[in-house]
Amino acid sequence: MQEGGRGQARPPIGIAFEGDLGQRIDAVLAIALLNGFAAKTEARSIALTISRPSLKSAQFTEVLARFYSPRPAMIGVPEGAVPANDEPVLAKALSEKNAEGAPRYTSTIKRLLDTPDNAVLIRNNLLAQHDGNARIVTAGPATGVARLLALYGARPQIQAKVERLVMTAGSFPGGPPDPAIAADVASARKIFTDWPTPIVVVGAEIGEALPYPGASIEKDFTWSQAHPVADAYRAAKPMPYDAPAPALAAMLYAVKPDETYFKVSDPGTLSVSDDGRVRFAPAADGKHRYLIVDAAQKDKVLEIYTAMVSAKPAPGPGRGRGGAELESEP
């Protein structure tokens, strides 16, 4: 296991992200937010995976990743049958055409066999991280993270490398069922019972209280004639609208947990009912917490959202102006 030696600078925190990128616009915004922090060398993207088997979602996610980095994009996808009607909402952005009538975006992924397994990709990329210098963020069903935990030898690796897991889940202090959690209750229960490091959850109420301003899409992304984030936002719902964005809050907290953008609950334990409701029970020795909106920080959080989500990729080797390369840890 890697340790930072004397005089060896530890790189910025590495974030592995798994989201329902075919359906959730806040998952797309969360990747853009991570790019904003990566461009400022305050974080690194170490793995990008999707929650459900979907060829079109994988293709769109690759387009998004390549927009921010010139490196070949490896998109993790879970095993399983692709739905017969594989029409994820956000993948409609793939049909956008340029002024000459050609596709704005193209993908090198032609079949799911062109992609690595999502759990294996995260596990393998965690191996390259310094101990305690990675965090995982999820915005979708818990299936992939539960499969990661079940991989042979993964548990001690997670314990060593992953400082915390940040999940979008539930609604607090007590709310309705969460469709993403309800999609795989067994996996959510496994995570809340067996995950070896602290877990912080971000409820739907956070996303409702701190939506991404739709007006930003129209004014802050004009620096690019073809921007997959802006096109996906427009594809998700008729404009104008402000998008509830718990995944954005999860990513912001994962990158900057020591800032005071949110309040954090006392420790406790999380459980899941059969219908997908997530419940929190206070416990002094619990390893679970949930975020709480701090009304005094709302304007600051929204300012960070718009500035970081609309940020240009950082210049990097192999790209011209506006290019990006997200460095991985040696």
C-alpha atoms as a PDB file:
ATOM      1  CA  MET A   1       0.000   0.000   0.000  1.00  0.00           C
ATOM      2  CA  GLN A   2       1.327   3.389  -0.907  1.00  0.00           C
ATOM      3  CA  GLU A   3       2.401   5.829   1.725  1.00  0.00           C
ATOM      4  CA  GLY A   4       3.639   9.351   1.179  1.00  0.00           C
ATOM      5  CA  GLY A   5       7.380   9.253   1.921  1.00  0.00           C
ATOM      6  CA  ARG A   6       9.478  12.043   3.410  1.00  0.00           C
ATOM      7  CA  GLY A   7       9.397  14.992   1.045  1.00  0.00           C
ATOM      8  CA  GLN A   8       6.840  13.319  -1.203  1.00  0.00           C
ATOM      9  CA  ALA A   9       3.841  15.570  -1.794  1.00  0.00           C
ATOM     10  CA  ARG A  10       0.511  13.798  -1.661  1.00  0.00           C
ATOM     11  CA  PRO A  11      -1.596  14.569  -4.743  1.00  0.00           C
ATOM     12  CA  PRO A  12      -5.071  16.094  -4.461  1.00  0.00           C
ATOM     13  CA  ILE A  13      -7.902  13.858  -3.331  1.00  0.00           C
ATOM     14  CA  GLY A  14      -8.917  11.247  -5.902  1.00  0.00           C
ATOM     15  CA  ILE A  15     -12.643  10.878  -6.606  1.00  0.00           C
ATOM     16  CA  ALA A  16     -14.242   7.759  -8.055  1.00  0.00           C
ATOM     17  CA  PHE A  17     -17.755   8.588  -9.268  1.00  0.00           C
ATOM     18  CA  GLU A  18     -20.603   6.260 -10.151  1.00  0.00           C
ATOM     19  CA  GLY A  19     -23.896   7.716 -11.290  1.00  0.00           C
ATOM     20  CA  ASP A  20     -27.067   6.981 -13.200  1.00  0.00           C
ATOM     21  CA  LEU A  21     -25.692   9.028 -16.073  1.00  0.00           C
ATOM     22  CA  GLY A  22     -28.376   8.062 -18.526  1.00  0.00           C
ATOM     23  CA  GLN A  23     -31.180   9.593 -16.486  1.00  0.00           C
ATOM     24  CA  ARG A  24     -29.857  12.021 -13.872  1.00  0.00           C
ATOM     25  CA  ILE A  25     -28.790  15.467 -14.986  1.00  0.00           C
ATOM     26  CA  ASP A  26     -27.337  16.118 -11.532  1.00  0.00           C
ATOM     27  CA  ALA A  27     -24.904  13.246 -12.141  1.00  0.00           C
ATOM     28  CA  VAL A  28     -23.679  15.042 -15.282  1.00  0.00           C
ATOM     29  CA  LEU A  29     -23.389  18.304 -13.345  1.00  0.00           C
ATOM     30  CA  ALA A  30     -21.395  16.499 -10.644  1.00  0.00           C
ATOM     31  CA  ILE A  31     -18.802  15.387 -13.207  1.00  0.00           C
ATOM     32  CA  ALA A  32     -18.558  18.938 -14.487  1.00  0.00           C
ATOM     33  CA  LEU A  33     -18.111  20.185 -10.918  1.00  0.00           C
ATOM     34  CA  LEU A  34     -15.297  17.681 -10.405  1.00  0.00           C
ATOM     35  CA  ASN A  35     -13.684  18.997 -13.592  1.00  0.00           C
ATOM     36  CA  GLY A  36     -13.811  22.504 -12.181  1.00  0.00           C
ATOM     37  CA  PHE A  37     -11.914  21.425  -9.079  1.00  0.00           C
ATOM     38  CA  ALA A  38      -9.523  19.302 -11.134  1.00  0.00           C
ATOM     39  CA  ALA A  39      -8.734  22.313 -13.313  1.00  0.00           C
ATOM     40  CA  LYS A  40      -7.714  24.105 -10.098  1.00  0.00           C
ATOM     41  CA  THR A  41      -5.690  21.009  -9.017  1.00  0.00           C
ATOM     42  CA  GLU A  42      -7.905  20.619  -5.959  1.00  0.00           C
ATOM     43  CA  ALA A  43      -9.140  17.129  -6.878  1.00  0.00           C
ATOM     44  CA  ARG A  44      -8.583  14.332  -9.384  1.00  0.00           C
ATOM     45  CA  SER A  45     -10.951  12.056 -11.278  1.00  0.00           C
ATOM     46  CA  ILE A  46      -9.736   8.468 -10.766  1.00  0.00           C
ATOM     47  CA  ALA A  47     -12.709   6.438 -12.050  1.00  0.00           C
ATOM     48  CA  LEU A  48     -15.975   7.136 -13.854  1.00  0.00           C
ATOM     49  CA  THR A  49     -18.684   4.482 -13.982  1.00  0.00           C
ATOM     50  CA  ILE A  50     -22.400   4.252 -14.682  1.00  0.00           C
ATOM     51  CA  SER A  51     -25.023   2.572 -12.525  1.00  0.00           C
ATOM     52  CA  ARG A  52     -26.967   0.550 -15.088  1.00  0.00           C
ATOM     53  CA  PRO A  53     -26.046  -1.445 -18.200  1.00  0.00           C
ATOM     54  CA  SER A  54     -26.793   0.920 -21.094  1.00  0.00           C
ATOM     55  CA  LEU A  55     -24.828   1.309 -24.296  1.00  0.00           C
ATOM     56  CA  LYS A  56     -26.098   4.810 -24.990  1.00  0.00           C
ATOM     57  CA  SER A  57     -25.370   5.947 -21.435  1.00  0.00           C
ATOM     58  CA  ALA A  58     -21.839   4.596 -21.767  1.00  0.00           C
ATOM     59  CA  GLN A  59     -21.378   6.416 -25.067  1.00  0.00           C
ATOM     60  CA  PHE A  60     -22.631   9.705 -23.652  1.00  0.00           C
ATOM     61  CA  THR A  61     -20.456   9.339 -20.554  1.00  0.00           C
ATOM     62  CA  GLU A  62     -17.401   8.739 -22.729  1.00  0.00           C
ATOM     63  CA  VAL A  63     -18.215  11.897 -24.708  1.00  0.00           C
ATOM     64  CA  LEU A  64     -18.448  13.812 -21.431  1.00  0.00           C
ATOM     65  CA  ALA A  65     -15.163  12.388 -20.121  1.00  0.00           C
ATOM     66  CA  ARG A  66     -13.299  13.103 -23.360  1.00  0.00           C
ATOM     67  CA  PHE A  67     -14.579  16.671 -23.355  1.00  0.00           C
ATOM     68  CA  TYR A  68     -12.609  17.231 -20.176  1.00  0.00           C
ATOM     69  CA  SER A  69      -9.576  15.020 -20.807  1.00  0.00           C
ATOM     70  CA  PRO A  70      -7.659  13.997 -23.954  1.00  0.00           C
ATOM     71  CA  ARG A  71      -6.809  10.615 -22.479  1.00  0.00           C
ATOM     72  CA  PRO A  72      -8.745   7.572 -23.702  1.00  0.00           C
ATOM     73  CA  ALA A  73     -11.812   7.412 -21.490  1.00  0.00           C
ATOM     74  CA  MET A  74     -12.464   4.126 -19.693  1.00  0.00           C
ATOM     75  CA  ILE A  75     -16.116   4.071 -18.634  1.00  0.00           C
ATOM     76  CA  GLY A  76     -17.096   1.351 -16.191  1.00  0.00           C
ATOM     77  CA  VAL A  77     -20.398  -0.379 -16.917  1.00  0.00           C
ATOM     78  CA  PRO A  78     -22.095  -3.114 -14.849  1.00  0.00           C
ATOM     79  CA  GLU A  79     -22.746  -6.541 -16.266  1.00  0.00           C
ATOM     80  CA  GLY A  80     -26.296  -7.324 -17.299  1.00  0.00           C
ATOM     81  CA  ALA A  81     -28.685  -7.190 -20.197  1.00  0.00           C
ATOM     82  CA  VAL A  82     -29.181  -3.846 -21.899  1.00  0.00           C
ATOM     83  CA  PRO A  83     -32.884  -2.920 -21.847  1.00  0.00           C
ATOM     84  CA  ALA A  84     -34.661  -3.549 -25.153  1.00  0.00           C
ATOM     85  CA  ASN A  85     -35.689   0.107 -25.156  1.00  0.00           C
ATOM     86  CA  ASP A  86     -32.319   1.630 -24.296  1.00  0.00           C
ATOM     87  CA  GLU A  87     -33.373   5.275 -24.496  1.00  0.00           C
ATOM     88  CA  PRO A  88     -31.776   7.111 -21.579  1.00  0.00           C
ATOM     89  CA  VAL A  89     -33.017  10.681 -21.433  1.00  0.00           C
ATOM     90  CA  LEU A  90     -29.638  12.386 -21.401  1.00  0.00           C
ATOM     91  CA  ALA A  91     -28.277  10.348 -24.298  1.00  0.00           C
ATOM     92  CA  LYS A  92     -30.538  12.409 -26.547  1.00  0.00           C
ATOM     93  CA  ALA A  93     -27.612  14.819 -26.555  1.00  0.00           C
ATOM     94  CA  LEU A  94     -25.814  12.303 -28.788  1.00  0.00           C
ATOM     95  CA  SER A  95     -28.242  13.123 -31.578  1.00  0.00           C
ATOM     96  CA  GLU A  96     -27.219  16.806 -31.669  1.00  0.00           C
ATOM     97  CA  LYS A  97     -25.853  17.962 -35.050  1.00  0.00           C
ATOM     98  CA  ASN A  98     -23.390  20.694 -35.922  1.00  0.00           C
ATOM     99  CA  ALA A  99     -23.920  23.413 -38.547  1.00  0.00           C
ATOM    100  CA  GLU A 100     -22.863  21.003 -41.310  1.00  0.00           C
ATOM    101  CA  GLY A 101     -25.375  18.371 -40.203  1.00  0.00           C
ATOM    102  CA  ALA A 102     -22.744  16.004 -38.806  1.00  0.00           C
ATOM    103  CA  PRO A 103     -22.978  14.591 -35.251  1.00  0.00           C
ATOM    104  CA  ARG A 104     -21.636  16.974 -32.633  1.00  0.00           C
ATOM    105  CA  TYR A 105     -20.425  14.086 -30.535  1.00  0.00           C
ATOM    106  CA  THR A 106     -19.003  10.676 -31.384  1.00  0.00           C
ATOM    107  CA  SER A 107     -18.026   7.773 -29.164  1.00  0.00           C
ATOM    108  CA  THR A 108     -15.474   5.010 -29.573  1.00  0.00           C
ATOM    109  CA  ILE A 109     -17.728   2.645 -27.590  1.00  0.00           C
ATOM    110  CA  LYS A 110     -19.631   0.466 -30.057  1.00  0.00           C
ATOM    111  CA  ARG A 111     -20.704  -2.326 -27.699  1.00  0.00           C
ATOM    112  CA  LEU A 112     -20.609  -2.897 -23.951  1.00  0.00           C
ATOM    113  CA  LEU A 113     -17.753  -5.357 -24.434  1.00  0.00           C
ATOM    114  CA  ASP A 114     -15.669  -2.244 -25.174  1.00  0.00           C
ATOM    115  CA  THR A 115     -16.061  -1.161 -21.535  1.00  0.00           C
ATOM    116  CA  PRO A 116     -14.582  -2.524 -18.283  1.00  0.00           C
ATOM    117  CA  ASP A 117     -16.737  -3.775 -15.435  1.00  0.00           C
ATOM    118  CA  ASN A 118     -17.652  -0.858 -13.160  1.00  0.00           C
ATOM    119  CA  ALA A 119     -16.715  -2.487  -9.844  1.00  0.00           C
ATOM    120  CA  VAL A 120     -13.450  -3.858 -11.210  1.00  0.00           C
ATOM    121  CA  LEU A 121     -12.484  -0.490 -12.715  1.00  0.00           C
ATOM    122  CA  ILE A 122     -12.943   1.287  -9.379  1.00  0.00           C
ATOM    123  CA  ARG A 123     -11.064  -1.437  -7.496  1.00  0.00           C
ATOM    124  CA  ASN A 124      -8.136  -1.395  -9.906  1.00  0.00           C
ATOM    125  CA  ASN A 125      -7.848   2.394  -9.863  1.00  0.00           C
ATOM    126  CA  LEU A 126      -8.015   2.498  -6.081  1.00  0.00           C
ATOM    127  CA  LEU A 127      -4.866   0.365  -6.009  1.00  0.00           C
ATOM    128  CA  ALA A 128      -2.861   3.296  -7.391  1.00  0.00           C
ATOM    129  CA  GLN A 129      -3.960   5.706  -4.662  1.00  0.00           C
ATOM    130  CA  HIS A 130      -2.134   6.698  -1.515  1.00  0.00           C
ATOM    131  CA  ASP A 131      -3.755   5.322   1.613  1.00  0.00           C
ATOM    132  CA  GLY A 132      -6.693   7.445   2.706  1.00  0.00           C
ATOM    133  CA  ASN A 133      -6.458   9.649  -0.384  1.00  0.00           C
ATOM    134  CA  ALA A 134      -9.578   8.527  -2.268  1.00  0.00           C
ATOM    135  CA  ARG A 135     -13.292   9.068  -1.856  1.00  0.00           C
ATOM    136  CA  ILE A 136     -16.187   7.455  -3.698  1.00  0.00           C
ATOM    137  CA  VAL A 137     -19.315   9.382  -4.715  1.00  0.00           C
ATOM    138  CA  THR A 138     -22.480   7.644  -5.930  1.00  0.00           C
ATOM    139  CA  ALA A 139     -25.695   8.994  -7.444  1.00  0.00           C
ATOM    140  CA  GLY A 140     -27.885   6.063  -8.382  1.00  0.00           C
ATOM    141  CA  PRO A 141     -28.615   2.489  -7.302  1.00  0.00           C
ATOM    142  CA  ALA A 142     -26.130   1.025  -4.812  1.00  0.00           C
ATOM    143  CA  THR A 143     -25.530  -2.063  -6.953  1.00  0.00           C
ATOM    144  CA  GLY A 144     -22.072  -1.181  -8.251  1.00  0.00           C
ATOM    145  CA  VAL A 145     -20.623  -0.178  -4.885  1.00  0.00           C
ATOM    146  CA  ALA A 146     -22.022  -3.345  -3.286  1.00  0.00           C
ATOM    147  CA  ARG A 147     -20.374  -5.389  -6.047  1.00  0.00           C
ATOM    148  CA  LEU A 148     -17.112  -3.544  -5.401  1.00  0.00           C
ATOM    149  CA  LEU A 149     -17.318  -4.502  -1.732  1.00  0.00           C
ATOM    150  CA  ALA A 150     -17.943  -8.150  -2.693  1.00  0.00           C
ATOM    151  CA  LEU A 151     -14.887  -8.473  -4.969  1.00  0.00           C
ATOM    152  CA  TYR A 152     -12.174 -10.790  -3.678  1.00  0.00           C
ATOM    153  CA  GLY A 153      -9.726  -8.870  -1.510  1.00  0.00           C
ATOM    154  CA  ALA A 154     -11.546  -5.566  -1.958  1.00  0.00           C
ATOM    155  CA  ARG A 155     -12.585  -4.936   1.636  1.00  0.00           C
ATOM    156  CA  PRO A 156      -9.098  -4.308   3.104  1.00  0.00           C
ATOM    157  CA  GLN A 157      -8.226  -2.255   0.037  1.00  0.00           C
ATOM    158  CA  ILE A 158     -11.330  -0.079   0.520  1.00  0.00           C
ATOM    159  CA  GLN A 159     -10.513   0.307   4.190  1.00  0.00           C
ATOM    160  CA  ALA A 160      -6.995   1.464   3.368  1.00  0.00           C
ATOM    161  CA  LYS A 161      -7.683   3.702   0.374  1.00  0.00           C
ATOM    162  CA  VAL A 162     -11.219   5.113   0.679  1.00  0.00           C
ATOM    163  CA  GLU A 163     -11.444   7.812   3.330  1.00  0.00           C
ATOM    164  CA  ARG A 164     -15.241   7.986   3.009  1.00  0.00           C
ATOM    165  CA  LEU A 165     -18.191   7.086   0.790  1.00  0.00           C
ATOM    166  CA  VAL A 166     -20.626   9.869  -0.126  1.00  0.00           C
ATOM    167  CA  MET A 167     -24.016   8.700  -1.435  1.00  0.00           C
ATOM    168  CA  THR A 168     -27.160  10.390  -2.660  1.00  0.00           C
ATOM    169  CA  ALA A 169     -29.826   8.456  -0.783  1.00  0.00           C
ATOM    170  CA  GLY A 170     -33.105   9.016   1.004  1.00  0.00           C
ATOM    171  CA  SER A 171     -34.645  12.182   2.405  1.00  0.00           C
ATOM    172  CA  PHE A 172     -34.031  13.402   5.943  1.00  0.00           C
ATOM    173  CA  PRO A 173     -34.988  13.415   8.691  1.00  0.00           C
ATOM    174  CA  GLY A 174     -37.857  11.313   7.335  1.00  0.00           C
ATOM    175  CA  GLY A 175     -39.128  11.256   3.779  1.00  0.00           C
ATOM    176  CA  PRO A 176     -40.592   9.193   0.950  1.00  0.00           C
ATOM    177  CA  PRO A 177     -39.002   6.165  -0.714  1.00  0.00           C
ATOM    178  CA  ASP A 178     -35.939   6.842  -2.848  1.00  0.00           C
ATOM    179  CA  PRO A 179     -36.430   5.349  -6.353  1.00  0.00           C
ATOM    180  CA  ALA A 180     -32.690   4.735  -6.783  1.00  0.00           C
ATOM    181  CA  ILE A 181     -32.441   2.901  -3.465  1.00  0.00           C
ATOM    182  CA  ALA A 182     -35.687   1.028  -4.168  1.00  0.00           C
ATOM    183  CA  ALA A 183     -34.142  -0.230  -7.431  1.00  0.00           C
ATOM    184  CA  ASP A 184     -31.767  -2.413  -5.364  1.00  0.00           C
ATOM    185  CA  VAL A 185     -32.698  -2.487  -1.704  1.00  0.00           C
ATOM    186  CA  ALA A 186     -30.451  -5.477  -0.986  1.00  0.00           C
ATOM    187  CA  SER A 187     -27.331  -3.664  -2.198  1.00  0.00           C
ATOM    188  CA  ALA A 188     -28.132  -0.529  -0.180  1.00  0.00           C
ATOM    189  CA  ARG A 189     -28.591  -2.662   2.939  1.00  0.00           C
ATOM    190  CA  LYS A 190     -25.276  -4.396   2.286  1.00  0.00           C
ATOM    191  CA  ILE A 191     -23.480  -1.065   1.990  1.00  0.00           C
ATOM    192  CA  PHE A 192     -25.024   0.406   5.137  1.00  0.00           C
ATOM    193  CA  THR A 193     -24.237  -2.769   7.076  1.00  0.00           C
ATOM    194  CA  ASP A 194     -20.811  -3.801   5.773  1.00  0.00           C
ATOM    195  CA  TRP A 195     -19.002  -0.766   4.314  1.00  0.00           C
ATOM    196  CA  PRO A 196     -15.772  -0.438   6.339  1.00  0.00           C
ATOM    197  CA  THR A 197     -15.258   3.356   6.254  1.00  0.00           C
ATOM    198  CA  PRO A 198     -17.509   6.320   7.141  1.00  0.00           C
ATOM    199  CA  ILE A 199     -20.562   7.012   4.968  1.00  0.00           C
ATOM    200  CA  VAL A 200     -22.196  10.416   4.443  1.00  0.00           C
ATOM    201  CA  VAL A 201     -25.538  10.508   2.630  1.00  0.00           C
ATOM    202  CA  VAL A 202     -27.112  13.418   0.781  1.00  0.00           C
ATOM    203  CA  GLY A 203     -30.897  13.426   0.822  1.00  0.00           C
ATOM    204  CA  ALA A 204     -33.295  14.618  -1.851  1.00  0.00           C
ATOM    205  CA  GLU A 205     -34.141  17.645   0.314  1.00  0.00           C
ATOM    206  CA  ILE A 206     -30.605  18.965  -0.230  1.00  0.00           C
ATOM    207  CA  GLY A 207     -31.082  18.813  -3.984  1.00  0.00           C
ATOM    208  CA  GLU A 208     -34.422  20.586  -3.776  1.00  0.00           C
ATOM    209  CA  ALA A 209     -33.059  23.344  -1.564  1.00  0.00           C
ATOM    210  CA  LEU A 210     -29.949  23.865  -3.720  1.00  0.00           C
ATOM    211  CA  PRO A 211     -30.983  23.323  -7.362  1.00  0.00           C
ATOM    212  CA  TYR A 212     -28.650  24.124 -10.215  1.00  0.00           C
ATOM    213  CA  PRO A 213     -29.774  27.436 -11.800  1.00  0.00           C
ATOM    214  CA  GLY A 214     -31.000  26.812 -15.329  1.00  0.00           C
ATOM    215  CA  ALA A 215     -30.127  30.389 -16.256  1.00  0.00           C
ATOM    216  CA  SER A 216     -26.464  29.419 -15.961  1.00  0.00           C
ATOM    217  CA  ILE A 217     -26.850  27.004 -18.884  1.00  0.00           C
ATOM    218  CA  GLU A 218     -27.826  29.863 -21.174  1.00  0.00           C
ATOM    219  CA  LYS A 219     -25.132  32.353 -20.130  1.00  0.00           C
ATOM    220  CA  ASP A 220     -22.113  30.485 -18.692  1.00  0.00           C
ATOM    221  CA  PHE A 221     -21.456  27.819 -21.335  1.00  0.00           C
ATOM    222  CA  THR A 222     -21.238  29.994 -24.446  1.00  0.00           C
ATOM    223  CA  TRP A 223     -17.450  29.590 -24.556  1.00  0.00           C
ATOM    224  CA  SER A 224     -18.028  26.234 -26.302  1.00  0.00           C
ATOM    225  CA  GLN A 225     -20.182  25.797 -29.398  1.00  0.00           C
ATOM    226  CA  ALA A 226     -20.701  22.127 -28.472  1.00  0.00           C
ATOM    227  CA  HIS A 227     -20.902  21.520 -24.732  1.00  0.00           C
ATOM    228  CA  PRO A 228     -22.226  18.093 -23.650  1.00  0.00           C
ATOM    229  CA  VAL A 229     -23.276  19.339 -20.211  1.00  0.00           C
ATOM    230  CA  ALA A 230     -25.420  22.143 -21.656  1.00  0.00           C
ATOM    231  CA  ASP A 231     -26.876  19.836 -24.327  1.00  0.00           C
ATOM    232  CA  ALA A 232     -27.703  17.171 -21.731  1.00  0.00           C
ATOM    233  CA  TYR A 233     -29.349  19.768 -19.481  1.00  0.00           C
ATOM    234  CA  ARG A 234     -31.574  20.877 -22.343  1.00  0.00           C
ATOM    235  CA  ALA A 235     -32.353  17.247 -23.202  1.00  0.00           C
ATOM    236  CA  ALA A 236     -33.393  16.382 -19.652  1.00  0.00           C
ATOM    237  CA  LYS A 237     -36.425  18.711 -19.481  1.00  0.00           C
ATOM    238  CA  PRO A 238     -37.927  21.607 -21.410  1.00  0.00           C
ATOM    239  CA  MET A 239     -36.134  24.820 -20.572  1.00  0.00           C
ATOM    240  CA  PRO A 240     -36.129  26.899 -18.468  1.00  0.00           C
ATOM    241  CA  TYR A 241     -35.890  24.937 -15.217  1.00  0.00           C
ATOM    242  CA  ASP A 242     -33.689  24.669 -12.133  1.00  0.00           C
ATOM    243  CA  ALA A 243     -32.504  21.089 -11.631  1.00  0.00           C
ATOM    244  CA  PRO A 244     -32.631  19.527  -8.155  1.00  0.00           C
ATOM    245  CA  ALA A 245     -29.065  18.402  -7.648  1.00  0.00           C
ATOM    246  CA  PRO A 246     -28.214  16.157  -4.680  1.00  0.00           C
ATOM    247  CA  ALA A 247     -25.318  14.711  -6.709  1.00  0.00           C
ATOM    248  CA  LEU A 248     -23.778  18.183  -6.934  1.00  0.00           C
ATOM    249  CA  ALA A 249     -23.941  18.562  -3.149  1.00  0.00           C
ATOM    250  CA  ALA A 250     -22.437  15.083  -2.750  1.00  0.00           C
ATOM    251  CA  MET A 251     -19.531  15.955  -5.041  1.00  0.00           C
ATOM    252  CA  LEU A 252     -18.915  19.338  -3.418  1.00  0.00           C
ATOM    253  CA  TYR A 253     -18.860  17.757   0.026  1.00  0.00           C
ATOM    254  CA  ALA A 254     -16.605  14.904  -1.168  1.00  0.00           C
ATOM    255  CA  VAL A 255     -14.035  17.357  -2.520  1.00  0.00           C
ATOM    256  CA  LYS A 256     -14.326  19.905   0.314  1.00  0.00           C
ATOM    257  CA  PRO A 257     -15.606  18.106   3.438  1.00  0.00           C
ATOM    258  CA  ASP A 258     -13.790  20.418   5.837  1.00  0.00           C
ATOM    259  CA  GLU A 259     -15.480  23.557   4.516  1.00  0.00           C
ATOM    260  CA  THR A 260     -18.692  24.804   6.123  1.00  0.00           C
ATOM    261  CA  TYR A 261     -20.910  24.647   3.035  1.00  0.00           C
ATOM    262  CA  PHE A 262     -23.223  22.183   4.797  1.00  0.00           C
ATOM    263  CA  LYS A 263     -24.076  21.141   8.296  1.00  0.00           C
ATOM    264  CA  VAL A 264     -23.536  17.492   9.152  1.00  0.00           C
ATOM    265  CA  SER A 265     -25.699  15.355  11.410  1.00  0.00           C
ATOM    266  CA  ASP A 266     -24.487  13.656  14.545  1.00  0.00           C
ATOM    267  CA  PRO A 267     -23.284  10.077  13.976  1.00  0.00           C
ATOM    268  CA  GLY A 268     -25.754   7.236  13.619  1.00  0.00           C
ATOM    269  CA  THR A 269     -26.718   4.227  11.536  1.00  0.00           C
ATOM    270  CA  LEU A 270     -28.704   4.017   8.303  1.00  0.00           C
ATOM    271  CA  SER A 271     -31.218   1.351   7.384  1.00  0.00           C
ATOM    272  CA  VAL A 272     -33.461   0.711   4.377  1.00  0.00           C
ATOM    273  CA  SER A 273     -37.106  -0.384   4.378  1.00  0.00           C
ATOM    274  CA  ASP A 274     -38.539  -2.705   1.748  1.00  0.00           C
ATOM    275  CA  ASP A 275     -39.988   0.203  -0.225  1.00  0.00           C
ATOM    276  CA  GLY A 276     -36.671   2.091  -0.439  1.00  0.00           C
ATOM    277  CA  ARG A 277     -37.086   4.519   2.454  1.00  0.00           C
ATOM    278  CA  VAL A 278     -33.798   5.346   4.158  1.00  0.00           C
ATOM    279  CA  ARG A 279     -33.964   5.776   7.913  1.00  0.00           C
ATOM    280  CA  PHE A 280     -31.370   7.247  10.264  1.00  0.00           C
ATOM    281  CA  ALA A 281     -31.002   6.286  13.931  1.00  0.00           C
ATOM    282  CA  PRO A 282     -28.622   8.362  16.093  1.00  0.00           C
ATOM    283  CA  ALA A 283     -25.822   6.348  17.674  1.00  0.00           C
ATOM    284  CA  ALA A 284     -22.697   7.680  19.332  1.00  0.00           C
ATOM    285  CA  ASP A 285     -20.586   4.941  17.764  1.00  0.00           C
ATOM    286  CA  GLY A 286     -22.276   5.077  14.347  1.00  0.00           C
ATOM    287  CA  LYS A 287     -20.270   5.504  11.131  1.00  0.00           C
ATOM    288  CA  HIS A 288     -23.061   7.196   9.187  1.00  0.00           C
ATOM    289  CA  ARG A 289     -24.072  10.846   8.891  1.00  0.00           C
ATOM    290  CA  TYR A 290     -26.242  12.930   6.570  1.00  0.00           C
ATOM    291  CA  LEU A 291     -25.864  16.448   5.213  1.00  0.00           C
ATOM    292  CA  ILE A 292     -28.090  19.308   6.349  1.00  0.00           C
ATOM    293  CA  VAL A 293     -28.680  22.522   4.410  1.00  0.00           C
ATOM    294  CA  ASP A 294     -27.121  25.615   5.968  1.00  0.00           C
ATOM    295  CA  ALA A 295     -29.342  28.479   4.812  1.00  0.00           C
ATOM    296  CA  ALA A 296     -26.559  30.969   5.476  1.00  0.00           C
ATOM    297  CA  GLN A 297     -24.359  29.194   2.927  1.00  0.00           C
ATOM    298  CA  LYS A 298     -26.931  28.821   0.139  1.00  0.00           C
ATOM    299  CA  ASP A 299     -25.730  31.722  -2.005  1.00  0.00           C
ATOM    300  CA  LYS A 300     -22.111  30.640  -1.601  1.00  0.00           C
ATOM    301  CA  VAL A 301     -22.878  27.053  -2.606  1.00  0.00           C
ATOM    302  CA  LEU A 302     -24.801  28.145  -5.708  1.00  0.00           C
ATOM    303  CA  GLU A 303     -21.957  30.480  -6.635  1.00  0.00           C
ATOM    304  CA  ILE A 304     -19.517  27.558  -6.442  1.00  0.00           C
ATOM    305  CA  TYR A 305     -21.859  25.354  -8.446  1.00  0.00           C
ATOM    306  CA  THR A 306     -22.132  27.735 -11.379  1.00  0.00           C
ATOM    307  CA  ALA A 307     -18.462  28.723 -11.409  1.00  0.00           C
ATOM    308  CA  MET A 308     -17.105  25.171 -11.209  1.00  0.00           C
ATOM    309  CA  VAL A 309     -19.699  23.409 -13.401  1.00  0.00           C
ATOM    310  CA  SER A 310     -19.199  25.903 -16.234  1.00  0.00           C
ATOM    311  CA  ALA A 311     -15.396  25.982 -15.871  1.00  0.00           C
ATOM    312  CA  LYS A 312     -13.255  25.231 -18.908  1.00  0.00           C
ATOM    313  CA  PRO A 313     -11.070  22.124 -18.909  1.00  0.00           C
ATOM    314  CA  ALA A 314      -7.551  22.808 -17.703  1.00  0.00           C
ATOM    315  CA  PRO A 315      -4.799  23.012 -20.333  1.00  0.00           C
ATOM    316  CA  GLY A 316      -2.780  19.822 -20.489  1.00  0.00           C
ATOM    317  CA  PRO A 317      -0.340  17.875 -22.657  1.00  0.00           C
ATOM    318  CA  GLY A 318      -1.852  16.880 -25.950  1.00  0.00           C
ATOM    319  CA  ARG A 319      -4.544  19.565 -26.022  1.00  0.00           C
ATOM    320  CA  GLY A 320      -4.730  23.113 -27.160  1.00  0.00           C
ATOM    321  CA  ARG A 321      -6.353  25.916 -25.276  1.00  0.00           C
ATOM    322  CA  GLY A 322      -9.175  24.768 -23.090  1.00  0.00           C
ATOM    323  CA  GLY A 323      -7.880  21.191 -23.123  1.00  0.00           C
ATOM    324  CA  ALA A 324      -7.670  19.038 -20.043  1.00  0.00           C
ATOM    325  CA  GLU A 325      -5.800  16.152 -18.602  1.00  0.00           C
ATOM    326  CA  LEU A 326      -6.771  14.793 -15.210  1.00  0.00           C
ATOM    327  CA  GLU A 327      -3.585  13.385 -13.744  1.00  0.00           C
ATOM    328  CA  SER A 328      -3.728   9.975 -12.136  1.00  0.00           C
ATOM    329  CA  GLU A 329      -1.618   9.057  -9.164  1.00  0.00           C
ATOM    330  CA  PRO A 330       1.607   7.142  -9.882  1.00  0.00           C
END
